[in-house]
Structures are given as structure tokens and as C-alpha cells.
Amino acid sequence: MSLVSKAKHTTQDLTSKAKNAKLDLAAYKFAGEFPEESYASIDTERAVVDDRASVRRFFGDDPTWRDRYFEYLEDGHVGMVLHDDGEVMSYGWTLTPESVRAPRALPDTIVEEDCYWLFDAGTEPEYRGNGLFKEINRARTEWILERDPDATIYTDTGVDNVARYGIESSQFEPHGTISLVRFELPGTPLLKWSRWDRDAEHPPKPE
């Protein structure tokens, strides 16, 4: 392959990676009506993940999870799990006013907002269909409001993600859209460009 062909191929690869790194997010703000009753249709226990020991307790020593969550802790984020005697059922993380850096999939500017932001939530496949995504949102919201009853709380998901249904039915209202482009090459810092249009209407939900 000639140097020109290699350069063209490399440029195409970089362009493809940049396009794949563009995120279109639906932002939400907590509406202020806290639901007292659990959304879960099965029994769960709740635990805060705020140190390395609790990361290891619930997620083991798999470096894929461990390193990411250790980084979350260093950045000032706090995790929470719903579990059954130590077995993780659902989990989620929260950016707090004390956080020093935004997670990779969110704009860096949110650390200047003096807010809480729910992010990186999921439910283990065998426990899906039991209301646990909504419950991990409710549990984190309750934890926040116990710390700060006047807190401003946001969350987000991809505009084409069916999680939008669960977010809106757990007392969060649409609060604009976020466009985020991430670009990173091996050995280089992550670069992000973002725009949060707080007045933009959300596109239709996915079917």
C-alpha cells in the first residue's frame, strides 16, 4: 500500500471513529414529586458503592468493571446497587456537586452546574422486567434528597433508547437535548465537544 493510500485509509478510519463517537442524548430533570413506594416487583437490598472495597464486593476484580469504577470514585462519583445477598441485580452511578470530572459520555461542563446527574445504570439480564431500572433511579434520587432536599437532579439517555419510557415514568421530565462528540486515539487524551439545548423538544420515542 502506498503512503498516499495509507494516509487516505487512516483518514477514513479516523473519520469513521469520530462519527461513531457522536452521541445524541435526551436530557431529563427530576420533577420534584418523589415516589415513596418501590417500583420493583421483587424484593431487593440496597447498598451505596463509595469505596474500592464496595466495588470489589459487588463487581469482583474483573478489570473491565473495576478500573472504570475506580476511576468514577476518583472523580467523586457515587454508585448504588440493588442486590440479593450480594448478587447485583441493578446498578447506577451519580455525579455529585463534589465530582471533579464528568463521565466520558456526558459534557465536561456539567461539573459546573452544582447538580446531581444519574448515569451509567443497568439491570442484569436475569432480573429485567421487574421494574429495577426505575427502582435504581428512585433509590438514587432518594439518596440525593436525603443529602440535599433542594437538589437539582438530571439524567439522560440516547434519543433512540427505550430507557426513555422508564425515565419519564419515574418522575423525570424532558429538559432539552445534548449533542456530544468524543474523539480519542491511543495514547492521547479524550477530547469532547458538546452542546446542551435546554429548550429543544425531544424527538419521538423509539417503538
N, C-alpha and C. Protein backbone atom coordinates (compact mmCIF):
# COMPACT_ATOMS: atom_id res chain seq x y z
N MET A 1 0.86 -1.19 0.00
CA MET A 1 0.00 0.00 0.00
C MET A 1 0.89 1.24 0.00
N SER A 2 0.59 2.18 -0.90
CA SER A 2 1.39 3.39 -0.99
C SER A 2 1.16 4.29 0.21
N LEU A 3 2.07 5.26 0.40
CA LEU A 3 1.92 6.19 1.51
C LEU A 3 0.64 6.99 1.36
N VAL A 4 0.29 7.36 0.12
CA VAL A 4 -0.95 8.11 -0.11
C VAL A 4 -2.16 7.27 0.26
N SER A 5 -2.13 5.98 -0.15
CA SER A 5 -3.24 5.08 0.18
C SER A 5 -3.36 4.87 1.67
N LYS A 6 -2.21 4.72 2.34
CA LYS A 6 -2.22 4.55 3.80
C LYS A 6 -2.80 5.77 4.48
N ALA A 7 -2.39 6.96 4.01
CA ALA A 7 -2.90 8.20 4.61
C ALA A 7 -4.40 8.31 4.41
N LYS A 8 -4.86 7.95 3.20
CA LYS A 8 -6.29 8.01 2.92
C LYS A 8 -7.06 7.03 3.79
N HIS A 9 -6.49 5.82 3.93
CA HIS A 9 -7.13 4.79 4.75
C HIS A 9 -7.19 5.24 6.21
N THR A 10 -6.10 5.84 6.71
CA THR A 10 -6.05 6.31 8.09
C THR A 10 -7.07 7.42 8.31
N THR A 11 -7.17 8.34 7.35
CA THR A 11 -8.14 9.44 7.46
C THR A 11 -9.56 8.90 7.51
N GLN A 12 -9.85 7.91 6.66
CA GLN A 12 -11.18 7.30 6.66
C GLN A 12 -11.48 6.63 7.99
N ASP A 13 -10.47 5.94 8.56
CA ASP A 13 -10.65 5.29 9.86
C ASP A 13 -10.95 6.32 10.93
N LEU A 14 -10.21 7.43 10.94
CA LEU A 14 -10.40 8.47 11.95
C LEU A 14 -11.77 9.11 11.80
N THR A 15 -12.17 9.36 10.55
CA THR A 15 -13.49 9.96 10.30
C THR A 15 -14.59 9.03 10.78
N SER A 16 -14.42 7.72 10.51
CA SER A 16 -15.41 6.75 10.94
C SER A 16 -15.51 6.71 12.45
N LYS A 17 -14.36 6.72 13.13
CA LYS A 17 -14.35 6.70 14.58
C LYS A 17 -15.01 7.95 15.14
N ALA A 18 -14.74 9.09 14.54
CA ALA A 18 -15.33 10.33 15.01
C ALA A 18 -16.84 10.30 14.86
N LYS A 19 -17.33 9.78 13.73
CA LYS A 19 -18.77 9.70 13.52
C LYS A 19 -19.41 8.76 14.52
N ASN A 20 -18.74 7.63 14.77
CA ASN A 20 -19.28 6.65 15.71
C ASN A 20 -19.29 7.17 17.13
N ALA A 21 -18.48 8.19 17.39
CA ALA A 21 -18.37 8.72 18.75
C ALA A 21 -19.38 9.83 19.01
N LYS A 22 -20.22 10.17 18.04
CA LYS A 22 -21.21 11.23 18.24
C LYS A 22 -22.42 10.66 18.99
N LEU A 23 -22.79 11.35 20.06
CA LEU A 23 -23.93 10.93 20.87
C LEU A 23 -25.01 11.99 20.82
N ASP A 24 -26.24 11.56 20.60
CA ASP A 24 -27.40 12.43 20.68
C ASP A 24 -28.22 11.98 21.87
N LEU A 25 -28.28 12.85 22.88
CA LEU A 25 -28.85 12.46 24.17
C LEU A 25 -30.12 13.25 24.48
N ALA A 26 -31.07 12.57 25.10
CA ALA A 26 -32.26 13.22 25.65
C ALA A 26 -31.99 13.49 27.12
N ALA A 27 -32.02 14.76 27.52
CA ALA A 27 -31.77 15.13 28.92
C ALA A 27 -33.09 15.24 29.68
N TYR A 28 -33.03 14.92 30.97
CA TYR A 28 -34.22 14.95 31.83
C TYR A 28 -33.89 15.60 33.16
N LYS A 29 -34.91 16.21 33.75
CA LYS A 29 -34.77 16.83 35.07
C LYS A 29 -35.83 16.26 35.99
N PHE A 30 -35.43 15.97 37.21
CA PHE A 30 -36.38 15.43 38.19
C PHE A 30 -37.48 16.44 38.46
N ALA A 31 -38.73 15.94 38.44
CA ALA A 31 -39.89 16.83 38.51
C ALA A 31 -40.26 17.24 39.93
N GLY A 32 -39.65 16.63 40.93
CA GLY A 32 -39.88 17.05 42.31
C GLY A 32 -40.97 16.31 43.05
N GLU A 33 -41.58 15.32 42.41
CA GLU A 33 -42.60 14.51 43.08
C GLU A 33 -42.00 13.15 43.38
N PHE A 34 -41.40 13.02 44.57
CA PHE A 34 -40.69 11.78 44.86
C PHE A 34 -41.66 10.64 45.15
N PRO A 35 -41.55 9.52 44.44
CA PRO A 35 -42.42 8.37 44.70
C PRO A 35 -41.97 7.60 45.94
N GLU A 36 -42.83 7.48 46.90
CA GLU A 36 -42.46 6.83 48.16
C GLU A 36 -42.37 5.31 48.03
N GLU A 37 -43.19 4.71 47.18
CA GLU A 37 -43.23 3.25 47.07
C GLU A 37 -42.26 2.76 45.99
N SER A 38 -41.73 1.58 46.23
CA SER A 38 -40.78 0.98 45.30
C SER A 38 -41.46 0.64 43.97
N TYR A 39 -40.69 0.80 42.90
CA TYR A 39 -41.16 0.37 41.58
C TYR A 39 -40.90 -1.11 41.35
N ALA A 40 -40.06 -1.71 42.18
CA ALA A 40 -39.64 -3.10 41.96
C ALA A 40 -40.77 -4.07 42.30
N SER A 41 -40.91 -5.07 41.46
CA SER A 41 -41.91 -6.11 41.71
C SER A 41 -41.32 -7.31 42.45
N ILE A 42 -40.02 -7.24 42.76
CA ILE A 42 -39.35 -8.28 43.54
C ILE A 42 -38.57 -7.61 44.66
N ASP A 43 -38.23 -8.39 45.68
CA ASP A 43 -37.50 -7.84 46.82
C ASP A 43 -36.05 -7.56 46.45
N THR A 44 -35.54 -6.45 46.96
CA THR A 44 -34.15 -6.07 46.73
C THR A 44 -33.55 -5.52 48.01
N GLU A 45 -32.22 -5.57 48.08
CA GLU A 45 -31.48 -4.85 49.10
C GLU A 45 -30.72 -3.73 48.39
N ARG A 46 -30.40 -2.68 49.13
CA ARG A 46 -29.75 -1.52 48.55
C ARG A 46 -28.41 -1.28 49.22
N ALA A 47 -27.42 -0.90 48.45
CA ALA A 47 -26.10 -0.57 49.02
C ALA A 47 -25.46 0.55 48.21
N VAL A 48 -24.77 1.44 48.91
CA VAL A 48 -24.01 2.51 48.27
C VAL A 48 -22.62 1.98 47.96
N VAL A 49 -22.13 2.34 46.78
CA VAL A 49 -20.78 1.96 46.36
C VAL A 49 -19.93 3.23 46.36
N ASP A 50 -19.16 3.42 47.42
CA ASP A 50 -18.41 4.67 47.56
C ASP A 50 -16.95 4.46 47.95
N ASP A 51 -16.47 3.23 47.81
CA ASP A 51 -15.04 2.98 48.04
C ASP A 51 -14.63 1.73 47.25
N ARG A 52 -13.34 1.48 47.20
CA ARG A 52 -12.83 0.37 46.40
C ARG A 52 -13.29 -0.98 46.93
N ALA A 53 -13.43 -1.08 48.24
CA ALA A 53 -13.87 -2.34 48.82
C ALA A 53 -15.28 -2.70 48.34
N SER A 54 -16.16 -1.71 48.27
CA SER A 54 -17.52 -2.00 47.83
C SER A 54 -17.57 -2.29 46.33
N VAL A 55 -16.68 -1.68 45.55
CA VAL A 55 -16.59 -2.04 44.13
C VAL A 55 -16.21 -3.51 44.00
N ARG A 56 -15.19 -3.92 44.75
CA ARG A 56 -14.74 -5.31 44.67
C ARG A 56 -15.82 -6.27 45.20
N ARG A 57 -16.53 -5.84 46.23
CA ARG A 57 -17.55 -6.71 46.81
C ARG A 57 -18.62 -7.06 45.78
N PHE A 58 -19.07 -6.05 45.04
CA PHE A 58 -20.20 -6.28 44.14
C PHE A 58 -19.80 -6.60 42.70
N PHE A 59 -18.62 -6.15 42.28
CA PHE A 59 -18.26 -6.32 40.87
C PHE A 59 -17.01 -7.17 40.67
N GLY A 60 -16.43 -7.66 41.78
CA GLY A 60 -15.28 -8.53 41.66
C GLY A 60 -14.04 -7.81 41.19
N ASP A 61 -13.09 -8.57 40.66
CA ASP A 61 -11.83 -8.00 40.23
C ASP A 61 -11.68 -7.99 38.71
N ASP A 62 -12.78 -8.14 38.00
CA ASP A 62 -12.74 -8.02 36.55
C ASP A 62 -12.28 -6.61 36.20
N PRO A 63 -11.12 -6.46 35.52
CA PRO A 63 -10.59 -5.12 35.28
C PRO A 63 -11.50 -4.23 34.44
N THR A 64 -12.36 -4.85 33.63
CA THR A 64 -13.28 -4.06 32.81
C THR A 64 -14.16 -3.18 33.69
N TRP A 65 -14.71 -3.78 34.76
CA TRP A 65 -15.55 -3.04 35.68
C TRP A 65 -14.73 -2.31 36.73
N ARG A 66 -13.76 -3.01 37.28
CA ARG A 66 -13.00 -2.47 38.40
C ARG A 66 -12.33 -1.15 38.05
N ASP A 67 -11.62 -1.12 36.93
CA ASP A 67 -10.87 0.08 36.57
C ASP A 67 -11.80 1.25 36.27
N ARG A 68 -12.92 0.97 35.58
CA ARG A 68 -13.87 2.05 35.29
C ARG A 68 -14.46 2.62 36.57
N TYR A 69 -14.85 1.73 37.48
CA TYR A 69 -15.50 2.19 38.70
C TYR A 69 -14.52 2.83 39.68
N PHE A 70 -13.28 2.35 39.69
CA PHE A 70 -12.26 3.04 40.48
C PHE A 70 -12.07 4.47 39.97
N GLU A 71 -12.11 4.63 38.65
CA GLU A 71 -11.99 5.97 38.07
C GLU A 71 -13.18 6.83 38.47
N TYR A 72 -14.38 6.25 38.47
CA TYR A 72 -15.55 7.00 38.93
C TYR A 72 -15.35 7.50 40.35
N LEU A 73 -14.86 6.63 41.22
CA LEU A 73 -14.64 7.03 42.61
C LEU A 73 -13.63 8.17 42.70
N GLU A 74 -12.54 8.07 41.94
CA GLU A 74 -11.52 9.12 41.97
C GLU A 74 -12.08 10.46 41.49
N ASP A 75 -13.07 10.38 40.60
CA ASP A 75 -13.68 11.61 40.07
C ASP A 75 -14.79 12.16 40.97
N GLY A 76 -15.08 11.46 42.07
CA GLY A 76 -16.06 11.96 43.03
C GLY A 76 -17.47 11.45 42.82
N HIS A 77 -17.65 10.46 41.94
CA HIS A 77 -18.98 9.91 41.71
C HIS A 77 -19.30 8.83 42.74
N VAL A 78 -20.59 8.57 42.93
CA VAL A 78 -21.03 7.60 43.93
C VAL A 78 -21.95 6.58 43.24
N GLY A 79 -21.71 5.31 43.52
CA GLY A 79 -22.52 4.25 42.92
C GLY A 79 -23.56 3.72 43.90
N MET A 80 -24.51 2.99 43.33
CA MET A 80 -25.52 2.31 44.14
C MET A 80 -25.89 1.01 43.43
N VAL A 81 -26.14 -0.02 44.22
CA VAL A 81 -26.59 -1.28 43.66
C VAL A 81 -27.86 -1.74 44.37
N LEU A 82 -28.71 -2.41 43.61
CA LEU A 82 -29.78 -3.22 44.18
C LEU A 82 -29.28 -4.65 44.08
N HIS A 83 -29.36 -5.38 45.18
CA HIS A 83 -28.75 -6.71 45.17
C HIS A 83 -29.59 -7.70 45.97
N ASP A 84 -29.27 -8.97 45.78
CA ASP A 84 -29.88 -10.07 46.52
C ASP A 84 -28.75 -10.81 47.22
N ASP A 85 -28.54 -10.48 48.50
CA ASP A 85 -27.48 -11.11 49.29
C ASP A 85 -26.13 -11.00 48.59
N GLY A 86 -25.84 -9.82 48.07
CA GLY A 86 -24.55 -9.58 47.44
C GLY A 86 -24.53 -9.77 45.94
N GLU A 87 -25.53 -10.41 45.37
CA GLU A 87 -25.60 -10.60 43.93
C GLU A 87 -26.25 -9.37 43.29
N VAL A 88 -25.52 -8.71 42.41
CA VAL A 88 -26.02 -7.47 41.82
C VAL A 88 -27.21 -7.76 40.91
N MET A 89 -28.27 -6.99 41.11
CA MET A 89 -29.47 -7.07 40.28
C MET A 89 -29.55 -5.88 39.35
N SER A 90 -29.27 -4.70 39.88
CA SER A 90 -29.29 -3.46 39.11
C SER A 90 -28.29 -2.50 39.74
N TYR A 91 -27.79 -1.57 38.95
CA TYR A 91 -26.76 -0.65 39.45
C TYR A 91 -26.87 0.69 38.73
N GLY A 92 -26.29 1.71 39.32
CA GLY A 92 -26.25 3.03 38.69
C GLY A 92 -25.30 3.93 39.44
N TRP A 93 -24.80 4.95 38.75
CA TRP A 93 -23.85 5.90 39.33
C TRP A 93 -24.42 7.30 39.33
N THR A 94 -23.86 8.14 40.19
CA THR A 94 -24.35 9.51 40.34
C THR A 94 -23.19 10.49 40.38
N LEU A 95 -23.22 11.46 39.50
CA LEU A 95 -22.32 12.61 39.60
C LEU A 95 -22.88 13.53 40.67
N THR A 96 -22.03 14.05 41.54
CA THR A 96 -22.46 14.91 42.64
C THR A 96 -21.81 16.29 42.52
N PRO A 97 -22.25 17.26 43.32
CA PRO A 97 -21.59 18.57 43.29
C PRO A 97 -20.11 18.51 43.65
N GLU A 98 -19.70 17.42 44.31
CA GLU A 98 -18.29 17.26 44.66
C GLU A 98 -17.47 16.60 43.55
N SER A 99 -18.12 16.13 42.50
CA SER A 99 -17.41 15.47 41.41
C SER A 99 -16.49 16.46 40.71
N VAL A 100 -15.32 15.98 40.32
CA VAL A 100 -14.32 16.86 39.70
C VAL A 100 -14.24 16.68 38.19
N ARG A 101 -14.87 15.63 37.66
CA ARG A 101 -14.82 15.41 36.22
C ARG A 101 -16.08 14.67 35.79
N ALA A 102 -16.60 15.03 34.63
CA ALA A 102 -17.79 14.36 34.10
C ALA A 102 -17.42 12.99 33.54
N PRO A 103 -18.34 12.04 33.56
CA PRO A 103 -18.07 10.76 32.91
C PRO A 103 -17.91 10.93 31.41
N ARG A 104 -17.36 9.92 30.77
CA ARG A 104 -16.99 10.02 29.36
C ARG A 104 -18.16 10.37 28.45
N ALA A 105 -19.35 9.90 28.77
CA ALA A 105 -20.50 10.06 27.89
C ALA A 105 -21.32 11.30 28.18
N LEU A 106 -20.77 12.24 28.97
CA LEU A 106 -21.50 13.47 29.29
C LEU A 106 -20.59 14.68 29.11
N PRO A 107 -21.18 15.85 28.86
CA PRO A 107 -20.37 17.06 28.67
C PRO A 107 -19.55 17.40 29.91
N ASP A 108 -18.35 17.88 29.71
CA ASP A 108 -17.50 18.27 30.83
C ASP A 108 -18.10 19.41 31.64
N THR A 109 -18.91 20.24 31.00
CA THR A 109 -19.44 21.44 31.65
C THR A 109 -20.44 21.13 32.77
N ILE A 110 -20.94 19.91 32.84
CA ILE A 110 -21.95 19.64 33.87
C ILE A 110 -21.36 19.68 35.28
N VAL A 111 -20.04 19.56 35.41
CA VAL A 111 -19.45 19.65 36.75
C VAL A 111 -19.54 21.07 37.30
N GLU A 112 -19.89 22.03 36.44
CA GLU A 112 -20.04 23.42 36.87
C GLU A 112 -21.49 23.74 37.25
N GLU A 113 -22.37 22.76 37.16
CA GLU A 113 -23.81 23.01 37.31
C GLU A 113 -24.29 23.00 38.76
N ASP A 114 -23.49 22.55 39.71
CA ASP A 114 -23.94 22.38 41.10
C ASP A 114 -25.20 21.52 41.13
N CYS A 115 -25.08 20.34 40.54
CA CYS A 115 -26.23 19.45 40.42
C CYS A 115 -25.80 18.01 40.65
N TYR A 116 -26.79 17.14 40.64
CA TYR A 116 -26.57 15.70 40.64
C TYR A 116 -27.01 15.17 39.27
N TRP A 117 -26.30 14.14 38.79
CA TRP A 117 -26.64 13.60 37.47
C TRP A 117 -26.58 12.07 37.55
N LEU A 118 -27.69 11.42 37.30
CA LEU A 118 -27.74 9.96 37.29
C LEU A 118 -27.20 9.45 35.96
N PHE A 119 -26.27 8.51 36.01
CA PHE A 119 -25.69 7.99 34.77
C PHE A 119 -25.26 6.54 34.95
N ASP A 120 -24.95 5.91 33.83
CA ASP A 120 -24.40 4.54 33.79
C ASP A 120 -25.21 3.57 34.64
N ALA A 121 -26.48 3.42 34.30
CA ALA A 121 -27.35 2.48 35.02
C ALA A 121 -27.64 1.26 34.16
N GLY A 122 -27.86 0.14 34.81
CA GLY A 122 -28.20 -1.07 34.08
C GLY A 122 -28.79 -2.12 35.00
N THR A 123 -29.45 -3.08 34.41
CA THR A 123 -30.03 -4.20 35.15
C THR A 123 -29.51 -5.50 34.54
N GLU A 124 -29.11 -6.42 35.39
CA GLU A 124 -28.62 -7.70 34.91
C GLU A 124 -29.73 -8.43 34.15
N PRO A 125 -29.40 -9.11 33.05
CA PRO A 125 -30.42 -9.70 32.18
C PRO A 125 -31.45 -10.56 32.88
N GLU A 126 -31.03 -11.35 33.86
CA GLU A 126 -31.98 -12.27 34.52
C GLU A 126 -32.97 -11.55 35.41
N TYR A 127 -32.74 -10.25 35.67
CA TYR A 127 -33.65 -9.50 36.54
C TYR A 127 -34.47 -8.44 35.79
N ARG A 128 -34.31 -8.40 34.49
CA ARG A 128 -35.06 -7.40 33.72
C ARG A 128 -36.55 -7.74 33.69
N GLY A 129 -37.36 -6.69 33.55
CA GLY A 129 -38.80 -6.89 33.53
C GLY A 129 -39.44 -6.83 34.90
N ASN A 130 -38.64 -6.43 35.91
CA ASN A 130 -39.15 -6.34 37.29
C ASN A 130 -39.15 -4.91 37.84
N GLY A 131 -39.04 -3.94 36.96
CA GLY A 131 -39.09 -2.54 37.39
C GLY A 131 -37.81 -2.04 38.05
N LEU A 132 -36.68 -2.75 37.85
CA LEU A 132 -35.47 -2.39 38.59
C LEU A 132 -34.76 -1.17 38.01
N PHE A 133 -34.91 -0.91 36.72
CA PHE A 133 -34.32 0.32 36.18
C PHE A 133 -34.97 1.54 36.81
N LYS A 134 -36.29 1.53 36.89
CA LYS A 134 -36.99 2.64 37.54
C LYS A 134 -36.64 2.69 39.03
N GLU A 135 -36.47 1.52 39.64
CA GLU A 135 -36.19 1.49 41.07
C GLU A 135 -34.77 2.00 41.38
N ILE A 136 -33.79 1.70 40.52
CA ILE A 136 -32.45 2.22 40.79
C ILE A 136 -32.43 3.73 40.60
N ASN A 137 -33.27 4.26 39.71
CA ASN A 137 -33.42 5.71 39.59
C ASN A 137 -34.05 6.29 40.86
N ARG A 138 -35.10 5.63 41.34
CA ARG A 138 -35.78 6.10 42.56
C ARG A 138 -34.85 6.03 43.76
N ALA A 139 -34.08 4.94 43.87
CA ALA A 139 -33.19 4.77 45.01
C ALA A 139 -32.10 5.85 45.04
N ARG A 140 -31.54 6.14 43.87
CA ARG A 140 -30.51 7.18 43.82
C ARG A 140 -31.10 8.55 44.10
N THR A 141 -32.30 8.78 43.59
CA THR A 141 -32.97 10.07 43.86
C THR A 141 -33.23 10.23 45.35
N GLU A 142 -33.67 9.16 46.00
CA GLU A 142 -33.91 9.22 47.44
C GLU A 142 -32.62 9.52 48.20
N TRP A 143 -31.53 8.87 47.81
CA TRP A 143 -30.23 9.10 48.45
C TRP A 143 -29.83 10.56 48.30
N ILE A 144 -30.04 11.13 47.12
CA ILE A 144 -29.70 12.53 46.88
C ILE A 144 -30.53 13.46 47.75
N LEU A 145 -31.85 13.23 47.77
CA LEU A 145 -32.74 14.14 48.50
C LEU A 145 -32.54 14.04 50.02
N GLU A 146 -32.05 12.91 50.49
CA GLU A 146 -31.70 12.81 51.91
C GLU A 146 -30.49 13.69 52.22
N ARG A 147 -29.58 13.84 51.26
CA ARG A 147 -28.41 14.70 51.44
C ARG A 147 -28.77 16.17 51.24
N ASP A 148 -29.63 16.42 50.24
CA ASP A 148 -29.95 17.80 49.86
C ASP A 148 -31.38 17.85 49.35
N PRO A 149 -32.34 18.21 50.21
CA PRO A 149 -33.75 18.23 49.80
C PRO A 149 -34.06 19.17 48.64
N ASP A 150 -33.19 20.14 48.40
CA ASP A 150 -33.41 21.10 47.31
C ASP A 150 -32.54 20.81 46.09
N ALA A 151 -32.02 19.62 46.01
CA ALA A 151 -31.09 19.28 44.93
C ALA A 151 -31.74 19.37 43.56
N THR A 152 -30.93 19.76 42.59
CA THR A 152 -31.31 19.69 41.18
C THR A 152 -30.74 18.38 40.64
N ILE A 153 -31.61 17.57 40.03
CA ILE A 153 -31.21 16.22 39.61
C ILE A 153 -31.52 16.04 38.13
N TYR A 154 -30.51 15.62 37.38
CA TYR A 154 -30.68 15.35 35.95
C TYR A 154 -30.34 13.90 35.65
N THR A 155 -30.77 13.46 34.49
CA THR A 155 -30.31 12.20 33.94
C THR A 155 -30.44 12.30 32.43
N ASP A 156 -30.02 11.26 31.73
CA ASP A 156 -30.06 11.29 30.27
C ASP A 156 -30.04 9.88 29.72
N THR A 157 -30.33 9.78 28.44
CA THR A 157 -30.14 8.54 27.70
C THR A 157 -30.13 8.89 26.22
N GLY A 158 -29.72 7.94 25.39
CA GLY A 158 -29.73 8.19 23.96
C GLY A 158 -31.14 8.44 23.45
N VAL A 159 -31.27 9.31 22.46
CA VAL A 159 -32.61 9.64 21.97
C VAL A 159 -33.32 8.42 21.39
N ASP A 160 -32.56 7.41 20.98
CA ASP A 160 -33.17 6.21 20.40
C ASP A 160 -33.21 5.04 21.39
N ASN A 161 -33.04 5.34 22.68
CA ASN A 161 -33.02 4.30 23.70
C ASN A 161 -34.40 4.17 24.35
N VAL A 162 -34.89 2.94 24.44
CA VAL A 162 -36.21 2.72 25.04
C VAL A 162 -36.22 3.04 26.53
N ALA A 163 -35.03 3.26 27.13
CA ALA A 163 -34.98 3.67 28.53
C ALA A 163 -35.70 4.98 28.76
N ARG A 164 -35.97 5.73 27.71
CA ARG A 164 -36.70 7.00 27.86
C ARG A 164 -38.07 6.77 28.49
N TYR A 165 -38.70 5.64 28.19
CA TYR A 165 -40.00 5.34 28.78
C TYR A 165 -39.88 5.20 30.30
N GLY A 166 -38.86 4.46 30.75
CA GLY A 166 -38.67 4.25 32.18
C GLY A 166 -38.28 5.52 32.91
N ILE A 167 -37.49 6.38 32.26
CA ILE A 167 -37.09 7.62 32.89
C ILE A 167 -38.30 8.53 33.09
N GLU A 168 -39.11 8.66 32.06
CA GLU A 168 -40.26 9.57 32.14
C GLU A 168 -41.32 9.05 33.11
N SER A 169 -41.39 7.75 33.29
CA SER A 169 -42.38 7.21 34.23
C SER A 169 -41.83 7.09 35.64
N SER A 170 -40.60 7.60 35.86
CA SER A 170 -40.05 7.65 37.23
C SER A 170 -39.80 9.09 37.65
N GLN A 171 -40.72 9.98 37.22
CA GLN A 171 -40.79 11.36 37.70
C GLN A 171 -39.73 12.29 37.14
N PHE A 172 -39.21 11.99 35.96
CA PHE A 172 -38.30 12.90 35.29
C PHE A 172 -38.99 13.48 34.06
N GLU A 173 -38.77 14.77 33.83
CA GLU A 173 -39.38 15.47 32.71
C GLU A 173 -38.32 15.85 31.67
N PRO A 174 -38.69 15.88 30.39
CA PRO A 174 -37.73 16.28 29.35
C PRO A 174 -37.13 17.66 29.64
N HIS A 175 -35.82 17.75 29.40
CA HIS A 175 -35.12 19.03 29.65
C HIS A 175 -34.08 19.26 28.57
N GLY A 176 -34.54 19.21 27.32
CA GLY A 176 -33.67 19.52 26.20
C GLY A 176 -32.88 18.33 25.69
N THR A 177 -32.03 18.61 24.73
CA THR A 177 -31.19 17.58 24.11
C THR A 177 -29.73 17.99 24.18
N ILE A 178 -28.88 16.98 24.19
CA ILE A 178 -27.43 17.19 24.24
C ILE A 178 -26.80 16.52 23.04
N SER A 179 -25.96 17.26 22.32
CA SER A 179 -25.14 16.70 21.25
C SER A 179 -23.71 16.64 21.75
N LEU A 180 -23.11 15.47 21.67
CA LEU A 180 -21.76 15.28 22.21
C LEU A 180 -20.92 14.49 21.21
N VAL A 181 -19.76 15.01 20.91
CA VAL A 181 -18.81 14.32 20.06
C VAL A 181 -17.56 14.02 20.87
N ARG A 182 -17.15 12.76 20.85
CA ARG A 182 -15.94 12.34 21.56
C ARG A 182 -14.90 11.88 20.54
N PHE A 183 -13.66 12.20 20.81
CA PHE A 183 -12.59 11.78 19.92
C PHE A 183 -11.38 11.41 20.75
N GLU A 184 -10.87 10.20 20.50
CA GLU A 184 -9.72 9.73 21.28
C GLU A 184 -8.92 8.75 20.45
N LEU A 185 -7.62 8.89 20.50
CA LEU A 185 -6.71 7.94 19.87
C LEU A 185 -5.82 7.33 20.95
N PRO A 186 -5.32 6.12 20.72
CA PRO A 186 -4.44 5.51 21.72
C PRO A 186 -3.31 6.44 22.13
N GLY A 187 -3.16 6.60 23.42
CA GLY A 187 -2.07 7.43 23.93
C GLY A 187 -2.36 8.91 23.95
N THR A 188 -3.60 9.30 23.62
CA THR A 188 -3.95 10.72 23.63
C THR A 188 -5.12 10.95 24.56
N PRO A 189 -5.26 12.17 25.10
CA PRO A 189 -6.40 12.46 25.98
C PRO A 189 -7.72 12.43 25.22
N LEU A 190 -8.78 12.14 25.91
CA LEU A 190 -10.13 12.20 25.34
C LEU A 190 -10.52 13.65 25.09
N LEU A 191 -10.98 13.94 23.89
CA LEU A 191 -11.47 15.27 23.55
C LEU A 191 -12.99 15.20 23.39
N LYS A 192 -13.68 16.20 23.90
CA LYS A 192 -15.14 16.23 23.81
C LYS A 192 -15.62 17.62 23.39
N TRP A 193 -16.61 17.63 22.51
CA TRP A 193 -17.31 18.85 22.14
C TRP A 193 -18.79 18.62 22.39
N SER A 194 -19.47 19.57 22.98
CA SER A 194 -20.87 19.33 23.32
C SER A 194 -21.71 20.59 23.23
N ARG A 195 -23.02 20.38 23.09
CA ARG A 195 -23.98 21.48 23.12
C ARG A 195 -25.25 20.96 23.78
N TRP A 196 -25.69 21.65 24.83
CA TRP A 196 -26.91 21.29 25.53
C TRP A 196 -27.96 22.36 25.23
N ASP A 197 -28.92 22.00 24.41
CA ASP A 197 -30.02 22.90 24.09
C ASP A 197 -31.17 22.57 25.04
N ARG A 198 -31.29 23.34 26.10
CA ARG A 198 -32.25 23.02 27.16
C ARG A 198 -33.70 23.24 26.74
N ASP A 199 -33.91 23.97 25.67
CA ASP A 199 -35.28 24.25 25.22
C ASP A 199 -35.71 23.35 24.07
N ALA A 200 -34.82 22.52 23.58
CA ALA A 200 -35.17 21.67 22.44
C ALA A 200 -36.18 20.60 22.84
N GLU A 201 -37.12 20.34 21.96
CA GLU A 201 -38.06 19.26 22.19
C GLU A 201 -37.41 17.91 21.90
N HIS A 202 -37.81 16.91 22.64
CA HIS A 202 -37.30 15.58 22.39
C HIS A 202 -37.92 15.01 21.12
N PRO A 203 -37.14 14.25 20.35
CA PRO A 203 -37.73 13.56 19.21
C PRO A 203 -38.68 12.46 19.70
N PRO A 204 -39.50 11.91 18.81
CA PRO A 204 -40.41 10.83 19.23
C PRO A 204 -39.63 9.67 19.85
N LYS A 205 -40.24 9.02 20.80
CA LYS A 205 -39.61 7.86 21.44
C LYS A 205 -39.52 6.70 20.46
N PRO A 206 -38.52 5.85 20.63
CA PRO A 206 -38.42 4.66 19.75
C PRO A 206 -39.57 3.71 20.02
N GLU A 207 -39.92 2.98 18.99
CA GLU A 207 -41.01 1.99 19.13
C GLU A 207 -40.52 0.77 19.88
